[in-house]
Structures are given as C-alpha cells and as structure tokens.
C-alpha cells in the first residue's frame, strides 16, 4: 500500500478490525519512511449483485455510489468520514445478506434515508430532496412536517421515560 503523503510502499499494519459483519477489514497503517499513519479498507468486490434502476435498467452494485450520495448529503455537516464509511459498510452488508442476485434501487435509497434520519436531519432532508425528486415546495414541506412530528413523538417518549424513572 502506498503512503498518501510520501508515496513509499513500505508500511506496517498497526491494527486490523473486522467491520460490517465481517465483510470489511479496516487496517490502520504506519509508513516506515515518513511515519504518517493512514487507514485502508479491504472489502469484497463481488459484483454479482445487480441493482434494478427506476427505469428498469440493471447495473452492477457499486458501493461507491452509496458513499458518494452520503458524502454529498453530509457536506458541511458535523459527520466524520468514518461515519459515512460505517453507514456504507452497513448497507453493503445488509444488501449482500438480504439479496442474492438483484435489489431494487428504491430499497437502497430507503436504507440510506433510514440511517441519515437517525444520524443528521439536515443530511436526511438533503438526500430526501434529491432521492424523492420533490415536484414542488408542498411535497418538500410535507416531508419536513413528517420529520418534525417524528421528532416531537420521540421527545414525548423521552420525557415520559424520564418521568417514570424519576430522573
């Protein structure tokens, strides 16, 4: 593996960890030439899973499309690259576990939205606005309204739980 700073391919692995239910190995490396530390990911590159697009075309699954969409939605948000990679790894693992040959692109979009909704509401709305292709402001406002209602319900649940425990 080449060092991203000096380009030397002389490094040592400091730590290896399995992620995403064993489908990804995260390796922490240190360059022996310049001492810089960096992270690499090793993962299955099996393209046997096909994605069925909205227009019924089929194309090989590409995890980069998930991470690209997440990075765009999370731009200028307090979300680390590691969090984006973790979500991408989780979705990839779920897809390979749940689907043998084909998966509808809407399933992937919903998986992304579900995780973004929990992680960051602004990133969620950004992704939803592109993914759901809102036709007008009213559709966008309805999505925001649903998000606010969910937020209020979760807050009521936390307050009730706090009251019941006496905290």
N, C-alpha and C. Protein backbone atom coordinates (compact mmCIF):
# COMPACT_ATOMS: atom_id res chain seq x y z
N UNK A 1 0.86 -1.17 0.00
CA UNK A 1 0.00 0.00 0.00
C UNK A 1 0.90 1.23 0.00
N UNK A 2 0.63 2.16 -0.87
CA UNK A 2 1.44 3.39 -0.95
C UNK A 2 0.97 4.42 0.08
N UNK A 3 1.94 5.07 0.70
CA UNK A 3 1.66 6.13 1.67
C UNK A 3 1.05 7.32 0.93
N UNK A 4 -0.06 7.88 1.42
CA UNK A 4 -0.67 9.02 0.73
C UNK A 4 0.17 10.30 0.82
N UNK A 5 1.16 10.35 1.74
CA UNK A 5 1.99 11.54 1.87
C UNK A 5 3.26 11.46 1.02
N UNK A 6 4.03 10.39 1.22
CA UNK A 6 5.33 10.32 0.54
C UNK A 6 5.36 9.34 -0.63
N UNK A 7 4.35 8.50 -0.78
CA UNK A 7 4.27 7.59 -1.92
C UNK A 7 5.06 6.30 -1.77
N UNK A 8 5.75 6.13 -0.67
CA UNK A 8 6.52 4.90 -0.44
C UNK A 8 5.55 3.75 -0.17
N UNK A 9 5.95 2.55 -0.63
CA UNK A 9 5.09 1.39 -0.39
C UNK A 9 5.62 0.51 0.74
N UNK A 10 6.36 1.12 1.65
CA UNK A 10 6.92 0.41 2.80
C UNK A 10 6.16 0.85 4.05
N UNK A 11 5.19 0.03 4.47
CA UNK A 11 4.42 0.37 5.67
C UNK A 11 4.19 -0.87 6.52
N UNK A 12 3.70 -0.64 7.71
CA UNK A 12 3.35 -1.76 8.58
C UNK A 12 1.92 -1.58 9.08
N UNK A 13 1.25 -2.70 9.30
CA UNK A 13 -0.11 -2.67 9.82
C UNK A 13 -0.04 -2.59 11.34
N UNK A 14 -0.68 -1.56 11.89
CA UNK A 14 -0.68 -1.35 13.34
C UNK A 14 -1.87 -2.06 13.98
N UNK A 15 -3.01 -2.02 13.28
CA UNK A 15 -4.24 -2.58 13.85
C UNK A 15 -5.15 -3.03 12.71
N UNK A 16 -5.81 -4.16 12.87
CA UNK A 16 -6.81 -4.65 11.92
C UNK A 16 -8.09 -4.96 12.67
N UNK A 17 -9.21 -4.53 12.11
CA UNK A 17 -10.50 -4.81 12.73
C UNK A 17 -11.51 -5.18 11.67
N UNK A 18 -12.32 -6.14 12.00
CA UNK A 18 -13.40 -6.55 11.12
C UNK A 18 -14.58 -5.62 11.34
N UNK A 19 -15.26 -5.24 10.25
CA UNK A 19 -16.43 -4.37 10.33
C UNK A 19 -17.53 -4.93 9.45
N UNK A 20 -18.71 -4.36 9.60
CA UNK A 20 -19.86 -4.70 8.76
C UNK A 20 -20.07 -6.20 8.68
N UNK A 21 -20.17 -6.81 9.84
CA UNK A 21 -20.44 -8.24 9.96
C UNK A 21 -19.41 -9.09 9.22
N UNK A 22 -18.15 -8.66 9.25
CA UNK A 22 -17.08 -9.43 8.66
C UNK A 22 -16.89 -9.25 7.17
N UNK A 23 -17.60 -8.32 6.55
CA UNK A 23 -17.45 -8.11 5.11
C UNK A 23 -16.40 -7.07 4.77
N UNK A 24 -15.90 -6.36 5.79
CA UNK A 24 -14.90 -5.31 5.58
C UNK A 24 -13.83 -5.44 6.66
N UNK A 25 -12.57 -5.25 6.26
CA UNK A 25 -11.48 -5.21 7.24
C UNK A 25 -10.88 -3.82 7.19
N UNK A 26 -10.86 -3.16 8.34
CA UNK A 26 -10.27 -1.82 8.47
C UNK A 26 -8.86 -2.02 9.00
N UNK A 27 -7.87 -1.47 8.29
CA UNK A 27 -6.48 -1.60 8.72
C UNK A 27 -5.89 -0.22 8.97
N UNK A 28 -5.29 -0.07 10.13
CA UNK A 28 -4.56 1.16 10.47
C UNK A 28 -3.10 0.88 10.14
N UNK A 29 -2.51 1.74 9.33
CA UNK A 29 -1.15 1.51 8.85
C UNK A 29 -0.24 2.68 9.23
N UNK A 30 1.06 2.40 9.29
CA UNK A 30 2.06 3.44 9.52
C UNK A 30 3.16 3.29 8.48
N UNK A 31 3.48 4.40 7.82
CA UNK A 31 4.54 4.42 6.80
C UNK A 31 5.89 4.32 7.51
N UNK A 32 6.72 3.38 7.09
CA UNK A 32 8.05 3.23 7.68
C UNK A 32 9.01 4.33 7.24
N UNK A 33 8.70 5.00 6.12
CA UNK A 33 9.58 6.05 5.61
C UNK A 33 9.33 7.39 6.30
N UNK A 34 8.06 7.83 6.38
CA UNK A 34 7.79 9.18 6.92
C UNK A 34 7.05 9.15 8.26
N UNK A 35 6.56 7.99 8.68
CA UNK A 35 5.90 7.89 9.98
C UNK A 35 4.43 8.25 9.97
N UNK A 36 3.89 8.68 8.84
CA UNK A 36 2.47 9.06 8.77
C UNK A 36 1.59 7.81 8.94
N UNK A 37 0.47 8.00 9.62
CA UNK A 37 -0.49 6.92 9.80
C UNK A 37 -1.69 7.16 8.89
N UNK A 38 -2.22 6.07 8.36
CA UNK A 38 -3.40 6.17 7.50
C UNK A 38 -4.22 4.89 7.61
N UNK A 39 -5.46 4.97 7.15
CA UNK A 39 -6.40 3.85 7.25
C UNK A 39 -6.74 3.34 5.86
N UNK A 40 -6.79 2.01 5.73
CA UNK A 40 -7.25 1.39 4.49
C UNK A 40 -8.39 0.44 4.83
N UNK A 41 -9.21 0.17 3.82
CA UNK A 41 -10.32 -0.75 3.97
C UNK A 41 -10.19 -1.85 2.93
N UNK A 42 -10.35 -3.07 3.36
CA UNK A 42 -10.33 -4.20 2.46
C UNK A 42 -11.73 -4.79 2.47
N UNK A 43 -12.29 -4.97 1.25
CA UNK A 43 -13.66 -5.46 1.20
C UNK A 43 -13.88 -6.33 -0.02
N UNK A 44 -14.94 -7.06 0.01
CA UNK A 44 -15.34 -7.92 -1.08
C UNK A 44 -15.68 -7.07 -2.30
N UNK A 45 -15.17 -7.44 -3.46
CA UNK A 45 -15.50 -6.69 -4.66
C UNK A 45 -16.33 -7.54 -5.62
N UNK A 46 -17.21 -8.31 -5.07
CA UNK A 46 -18.10 -9.17 -5.85
C UNK A 46 -19.19 -8.31 -6.47
N UNK A 47 -19.31 -8.34 -7.77
CA UNK A 47 -20.33 -7.53 -8.44
C UNK A 47 -21.50 -8.38 -8.91
N UNK A 48 -21.71 -9.51 -8.28
CA UNK A 48 -22.80 -10.37 -8.71
C UNK A 48 -24.17 -9.79 -8.35
N UNK A 49 -24.22 -8.86 -7.43
CA UNK A 49 -25.49 -8.24 -7.06
C UNK A 49 -25.82 -7.15 -8.08
N UNK A 50 -26.99 -7.24 -8.67
CA UNK A 50 -27.43 -6.27 -9.66
C UNK A 50 -28.47 -5.34 -9.04
N UNK A 51 -28.41 -4.07 -9.43
CA UNK A 51 -29.36 -3.06 -8.95
C UNK A 51 -30.35 -2.77 -10.07
N UNK A 52 -31.64 -2.85 -9.74
CA UNK A 52 -32.69 -2.55 -10.71
C UNK A 52 -33.05 -1.08 -10.53
N UNK A 53 -32.77 -0.28 -11.55
CA UNK A 53 -32.99 1.16 -11.50
C UNK A 53 -34.47 1.49 -11.72
N UNK A 54 -34.84 2.74 -11.51
CA UNK A 54 -36.24 3.16 -11.68
C UNK A 54 -36.75 2.94 -13.09
N UNK A 55 -35.86 3.06 -14.08
CA UNK A 55 -36.28 2.87 -15.47
C UNK A 55 -36.14 1.40 -15.91
N UNK A 56 -35.97 0.50 -14.93
CA UNK A 56 -35.90 -0.95 -15.10
C UNK A 56 -34.59 -1.45 -15.71
N UNK A 57 -33.61 -0.55 -15.88
CA UNK A 57 -32.28 -1.00 -16.30
C UNK A 57 -31.65 -1.73 -15.13
N UNK A 58 -30.72 -2.62 -15.43
CA UNK A 58 -29.97 -3.32 -14.40
C UNK A 58 -28.50 -2.95 -14.54
N UNK A 59 -27.87 -2.70 -13.40
CA UNK A 59 -26.43 -2.43 -13.42
C UNK A 59 -25.80 -3.04 -12.18
N UNK A 60 -24.51 -3.35 -12.24
CA UNK A 60 -23.84 -3.96 -11.09
C UNK A 60 -23.86 -3.01 -9.88
N UNK A 61 -23.98 -3.60 -8.70
CA UNK A 61 -23.94 -2.83 -7.46
C UNK A 61 -22.57 -2.19 -7.31
N UNK A 62 -22.56 -0.89 -6.96
CA UNK A 62 -21.31 -0.17 -6.71
C UNK A 62 -21.44 0.57 -5.39
N UNK A 63 -20.67 0.14 -4.40
CA UNK A 63 -20.74 0.76 -3.08
C UNK A 63 -20.35 2.23 -3.12
N UNK A 64 -19.52 2.61 -4.10
CA UNK A 64 -19.08 4.00 -4.21
C UNK A 64 -20.27 4.94 -4.45
N UNK A 65 -21.30 4.45 -5.12
CA UNK A 65 -22.47 5.29 -5.36
C UNK A 65 -23.18 5.62 -4.04
N UNK A 66 -23.18 4.68 -3.12
CA UNK A 66 -23.77 4.93 -1.80
C UNK A 66 -22.94 5.96 -1.06
N UNK A 67 -21.63 5.73 -0.99
CA UNK A 67 -20.78 6.67 -0.24
C UNK A 67 -20.77 8.05 -0.90
N UNK A 68 -20.81 8.13 -2.23
CA UNK A 68 -20.86 9.43 -2.90
C UNK A 68 -22.13 10.20 -2.52
N UNK A 69 -23.27 9.51 -2.53
CA UNK A 69 -24.52 10.14 -2.15
C UNK A 69 -24.52 10.60 -0.70
N UNK A 70 -23.93 9.77 0.17
CA UNK A 70 -23.84 10.14 1.58
C UNK A 70 -22.94 11.35 1.78
N UNK A 71 -21.79 11.36 1.11
CA UNK A 71 -20.87 12.50 1.24
C UNK A 71 -21.53 13.80 0.78
N UNK A 72 -22.27 13.74 -0.31
CA UNK A 72 -22.96 14.94 -0.80
C UNK A 72 -24.00 15.43 0.20
N UNK A 73 -24.77 14.50 0.75
CA UNK A 73 -25.81 14.88 1.72
C UNK A 73 -25.20 15.41 3.02
N UNK A 74 -24.04 14.90 3.39
CA UNK A 74 -23.41 15.24 4.67
C UNK A 74 -22.40 16.39 4.56
N UNK A 75 -22.29 16.96 3.36
CA UNK A 75 -21.33 18.03 3.14
C UNK A 75 -21.59 19.20 4.11
N UNK A 76 -20.54 19.67 4.74
CA UNK A 76 -20.58 20.79 5.69
C UNK A 76 -21.47 20.49 6.90
N UNK A 77 -21.58 19.21 7.25
CA UNK A 77 -22.31 18.78 8.44
C UNK A 77 -21.29 18.15 9.39
N UNK A 78 -21.59 18.10 10.68
CA UNK A 78 -20.64 17.52 11.64
C UNK A 78 -20.64 15.99 11.61
N UNK A 79 -20.34 15.44 10.44
CA UNK A 79 -20.34 13.99 10.25
C UNK A 79 -18.97 13.60 9.70
N UNK A 80 -18.34 12.66 10.38
CA UNK A 80 -16.98 12.27 10.00
C UNK A 80 -16.99 11.31 8.81
N UNK A 81 -15.88 11.26 8.09
CA UNK A 81 -15.76 10.28 7.00
C UNK A 81 -15.93 8.85 7.51
N UNK A 82 -15.51 8.60 8.75
CA UNK A 82 -15.67 7.26 9.33
C UNK A 82 -17.14 6.91 9.49
N UNK A 83 -17.97 7.89 9.87
CA UNK A 83 -19.40 7.64 9.99
C UNK A 83 -20.02 7.31 8.63
N UNK A 84 -19.58 8.03 7.60
CA UNK A 84 -20.07 7.75 6.24
C UNK A 84 -19.65 6.35 5.81
N UNK A 85 -18.39 5.99 6.07
CA UNK A 85 -17.92 4.65 5.72
C UNK A 85 -18.67 3.57 6.49
N UNK A 86 -18.93 3.82 7.78
CA UNK A 86 -19.68 2.85 8.58
C UNK A 86 -21.07 2.61 8.00
N UNK A 87 -21.76 3.68 7.62
CA UNK A 87 -23.10 3.54 7.04
C UNK A 87 -23.01 2.78 5.72
N UNK A 88 -22.04 3.14 4.89
CA UNK A 88 -21.86 2.46 3.60
C UNK A 88 -21.60 0.98 3.83
N UNK A 89 -20.74 0.65 4.79
CA UNK A 89 -20.44 -0.75 5.09
C UNK A 89 -21.67 -1.49 5.60
N UNK A 90 -22.44 -0.85 6.47
CA UNK A 90 -23.67 -1.48 6.99
C UNK A 90 -24.64 -1.79 5.87
N UNK A 91 -24.85 -0.83 4.99
CA UNK A 91 -25.80 -1.03 3.89
C UNK A 91 -25.31 -2.12 2.96
N UNK A 92 -24.02 -2.11 2.62
CA UNK A 92 -23.48 -3.14 1.75
C UNK A 92 -23.65 -4.53 2.38
N UNK A 93 -23.35 -4.64 3.67
CA UNK A 93 -23.50 -5.93 4.36
C UNK A 93 -24.96 -6.37 4.36
N UNK A 94 -25.88 -5.44 4.63
CA UNK A 94 -27.31 -5.78 4.62
C UNK A 94 -27.75 -6.26 3.24
N UNK A 95 -27.30 -5.58 2.20
CA UNK A 95 -27.69 -5.95 0.84
C UNK A 95 -27.21 -7.35 0.48
N UNK A 96 -25.95 -7.66 0.78
CA UNK A 96 -25.42 -8.98 0.47
C UNK A 96 -26.06 -10.07 1.33
N UNK A 97 -26.49 -9.70 2.53
CA UNK A 97 -27.14 -10.67 3.41
C UNK A 97 -28.59 -10.92 2.98
N UNK A 98 -29.28 -9.87 2.53
CA UNK A 98 -30.72 -9.97 2.25
C UNK A 98 -31.05 -10.31 0.79
N UNK A 99 -30.15 -9.99 -0.13
CA UNK A 99 -30.46 -10.16 -1.56
C UNK A 99 -29.38 -10.99 -2.23
N UNK A 100 -29.82 -11.98 -2.98
CA UNK A 100 -28.87 -12.89 -3.60
C UNK A 100 -28.38 -12.39 -4.96
N UNK A 101 -29.31 -11.95 -5.82
CA UNK A 101 -28.93 -11.58 -7.19
C UNK A 101 -29.30 -10.15 -7.56
N UNK A 102 -30.49 -9.69 -7.15
CA UNK A 102 -30.97 -8.38 -7.56
C UNK A 102 -31.61 -7.64 -6.39
N UNK A 103 -31.49 -6.33 -6.43
CA UNK A 103 -32.13 -5.47 -5.44
C UNK A 103 -32.62 -4.21 -6.15
N UNK A 104 -33.79 -3.76 -5.76
CA UNK A 104 -34.35 -2.56 -6.34
C UNK A 104 -33.63 -1.33 -5.79
N UNK A 105 -33.36 -0.37 -6.62
CA UNK A 105 -32.64 0.83 -6.18
C UNK A 105 -33.42 1.57 -5.08
N UNK A 106 -34.74 1.44 -5.08
CA UNK A 106 -35.53 2.12 -4.04
C UNK A 106 -35.24 1.53 -2.66
N UNK A 107 -34.92 0.25 -2.61
CA UNK A 107 -34.56 -0.38 -1.32
C UNK A 107 -33.29 0.26 -0.79
N UNK A 108 -32.32 0.45 -1.66
CA UNK A 108 -31.06 1.06 -1.25
C UNK A 108 -31.30 2.50 -0.79
N UNK A 109 -32.09 3.25 -1.54
CA UNK A 109 -32.41 4.63 -1.16
C UNK A 109 -33.08 4.71 0.19
N UNK A 110 -34.00 3.80 0.46
CA UNK A 110 -34.69 3.80 1.76
C UNK A 110 -33.74 3.44 2.89
N UNK A 111 -32.80 2.53 2.64
CA UNK A 111 -31.81 2.17 3.66
C UNK A 111 -30.95 3.39 4.01
N UNK A 112 -30.56 4.13 2.99
CA UNK A 112 -29.75 5.33 3.21
C UNK A 112 -30.55 6.35 4.00
N UNK A 113 -31.80 6.58 3.59
CA UNK A 113 -32.62 7.58 4.26
C UNK A 113 -32.87 7.21 5.73
N UNK A 114 -33.10 5.93 5.99
CA UNK A 114 -33.34 5.47 7.36
C UNK A 114 -32.14 5.80 8.26
N UNK A 115 -30.95 5.55 7.75
CA UNK A 115 -29.76 5.81 8.56
C UNK A 115 -29.48 7.30 8.69
N UNK A 116 -29.67 8.06 7.62
CA UNK A 116 -29.46 9.51 7.69
C UNK A 116 -30.46 10.18 8.63
N UNK A 117 -31.67 9.68 8.65
CA UNK A 117 -32.70 10.26 9.52
C UNK A 117 -32.28 10.18 10.98
N UNK A 118 -31.62 9.07 11.34
CA UNK A 118 -31.14 8.89 12.71
C UNK A 118 -29.86 9.70 12.98
N UNK A 119 -29.04 9.87 11.95
CA UNK A 119 -27.73 10.50 12.11
C UNK A 119 -27.79 12.02 12.11
N UNK A 120 -28.46 12.60 11.11
CA UNK A 120 -28.45 14.06 10.96
C UNK A 120 -29.64 14.46 10.10
N UNK A 121 -30.52 15.26 10.66
CA UNK A 121 -31.76 15.60 9.97
C UNK A 121 -31.53 16.48 8.74
N UNK A 122 -30.53 17.35 8.77
CA UNK A 122 -30.25 18.19 7.61
C UNK A 122 -29.74 17.32 6.46
N UNK A 123 -28.84 16.40 6.75
CA UNK A 123 -28.33 15.49 5.72
C UNK A 123 -29.48 14.63 5.18
N UNK A 124 -30.37 14.22 6.07
CA UNK A 124 -31.53 13.44 5.65
C UNK A 124 -32.39 14.22 4.66
N UNK A 125 -32.70 15.47 4.98
CA UNK A 125 -33.55 16.29 4.11
C UNK A 125 -32.85 16.55 2.77
N UNK A 126 -31.54 16.77 2.81
CA UNK A 126 -30.79 16.96 1.56
C UNK A 126 -30.91 15.73 0.67
N UNK A 127 -30.66 14.57 1.26
CA UNK A 127 -30.72 13.33 0.48
C UNK A 127 -32.14 13.08 -0.01
N UNK A 128 -33.12 13.26 0.88
CA UNK A 128 -34.52 13.02 0.51
C UNK A 128 -34.97 13.92 -0.63
N UNK A 129 -34.51 15.17 -0.63
CA UNK A 129 -34.96 16.10 -1.67
C UNK A 129 -34.48 15.65 -3.05
N UNK A 130 -33.31 15.05 -3.13
CA UNK A 130 -32.81 14.55 -4.41
C UNK A 130 -33.41 13.18 -4.70
N UNK A 131 -33.40 12.30 -3.72
CA UNK A 131 -33.86 10.93 -3.91
C UNK A 131 -35.36 10.86 -4.24
N UNK A 132 -36.14 11.61 -3.53
CA UNK A 132 -37.60 11.57 -3.74
C UNK A 132 -38.06 12.48 -4.86
N UNK A 133 -37.16 13.29 -5.38
CA UNK A 133 -37.45 14.17 -6.50
C UNK A 133 -38.74 14.97 -6.27
N UNK A 134 -38.76 15.74 -5.19
CA UNK A 134 -39.93 16.54 -4.88
C UNK A 134 -40.30 17.40 -6.08
N UNK A 135 -41.59 17.41 -6.40
CA UNK A 135 -42.05 18.16 -7.56
C UNK A 135 -42.34 19.61 -7.25
N UNK A 136 -42.60 19.90 -5.97
CA UNK A 136 -42.87 21.29 -5.59
C UNK A 136 -42.57 21.49 -4.11
N UNK A 137 -42.72 22.70 -3.66
CA UNK A 137 -42.41 23.06 -2.28
C UNK A 137 -43.35 22.34 -1.31
N UNK A 138 -44.60 22.10 -1.71
CA UNK A 138 -45.56 21.44 -0.82
C UNK A 138 -45.11 20.03 -0.46
N UNK A 139 -44.58 19.29 -1.42
CA UNK A 139 -44.07 17.95 -1.12
C UNK A 139 -42.89 18.03 -0.15
N UNK A 140 -42.03 19.00 -0.37
CA UNK A 140 -40.87 19.21 0.50
C UNK A 140 -41.33 19.56 1.91
N UNK A 141 -42.30 20.45 2.01
CA UNK A 141 -42.82 20.86 3.31
C UNK A 141 -43.49 19.69 4.04
N UNK A 142 -44.16 18.82 3.30
CA UNK A 142 -44.79 17.64 3.91
C UNK A 142 -43.73 16.73 4.52
N UNK A 143 -42.61 16.56 3.83
CA UNK A 143 -41.52 15.74 4.36
C UNK A 143 -40.96 16.36 5.65
N UNK A 144 -40.78 17.67 5.65
CA UNK A 144 -40.31 18.36 6.85
C UNK A 144 -41.31 18.22 7.99
N UNK A 145 -42.58 18.34 7.67
CA UNK A 145 -43.63 18.20 8.68
C UNK A 145 -43.60 16.81 9.32
N UNK A 146 -43.45 15.78 8.47
CA UNK A 146 -43.36 14.41 8.98
C UNK A 146 -42.15 14.25 9.89
N UNK A 147 -41.04 14.84 9.50
CA UNK A 147 -39.81 14.78 10.29
C UNK A 147 -40.01 15.44 11.65
N UNK A 148 -40.66 16.61 11.67
CA UNK A 148 -40.92 17.32 12.92
C UNK A 148 -41.86 16.54 13.82
N UNK A 149 -42.87 15.91 13.25
CA UNK A 149 -43.79 15.10 14.05
C UNK A 149 -43.06 13.92 14.69
N UNK A 150 -42.19 13.27 13.93
CA UNK A 150 -41.40 12.17 14.49
C UNK A 150 -40.51 12.67 15.62
N UNK A 151 -39.94 13.85 15.43
CA UNK A 151 -39.07 14.44 16.45
C UNK A 151 -39.86 14.74 17.72
N UNK A 152 -41.06 15.29 17.59
CA UNK A 152 -41.91 15.59 18.76
C UNK A 152 -42.32 14.31 19.47
N UNK A 153 -42.66 13.27 18.73
CA UNK A 153 -43.05 12.00 19.33
C UNK A 153 -41.89 11.39 20.10
N UNK A 154 -40.69 11.46 19.55
CA UNK A 154 -39.51 10.93 20.23
C UNK A 154 -39.22 11.71 21.51
N UNK A 155 -39.42 13.03 21.46
CA UNK A 155 -39.20 13.86 22.65
C UNK A 155 -40.21 13.51 23.73
N UNK A 156 -41.48 13.33 23.36
CA UNK A 156 -42.51 12.95 24.34
C UNK A 156 -42.17 11.62 24.99
N UNK A 157 -41.66 10.69 24.18
CA UNK A 157 -41.30 9.37 24.68
C UNK A 157 -40.16 9.48 25.70
N UNK A 158 -39.17 10.34 25.39
CA UNK A 158 -38.04 10.52 26.32
C UNK A 158 -38.50 11.17 27.62
N UNK A 159 -39.38 12.17 27.54
CA UNK A 159 -39.89 12.85 28.73
C UNK A 159 -40.68 11.88 29.58
N UNK A 160 -41.52 11.07 28.94
CA UNK A 160 -42.32 10.09 29.67
C UNK A 160 -41.43 9.07 30.37
N UNK A 161 -40.42 8.59 29.67
CA UNK A 161 -39.48 7.61 30.26
C UNK A 161 -38.74 8.24 31.43
N UNK A 162 -38.35 9.50 31.28
CA UNK A 162 -37.64 10.21 32.35
C UNK A 162 -38.54 10.37 33.56
N UNK A 163 -39.82 10.72 33.34
CA UNK A 163 -40.77 10.88 34.44
C UNK A 163 -41.00 9.55 35.16
N UNK A 164 -41.07 8.46 34.41
CA UNK A 164 -41.32 7.15 35.01
C UNK A 164 -40.15 6.67 35.84
N UNK A 165 -38.94 7.07 35.47
CA UNK A 165 -37.76 6.65 36.24
C UNK A 165 -37.41 7.62 37.34
N UNK A 166 -38.11 8.76 37.36
CA UNK A 166 -37.87 9.74 38.40
C UNK A 166 -36.64 10.57 38.15
N UNK A 167 -36.14 10.59 36.91
CA UNK A 167 -34.91 11.33 36.59
C UNK A 167 -35.22 12.62 36.03
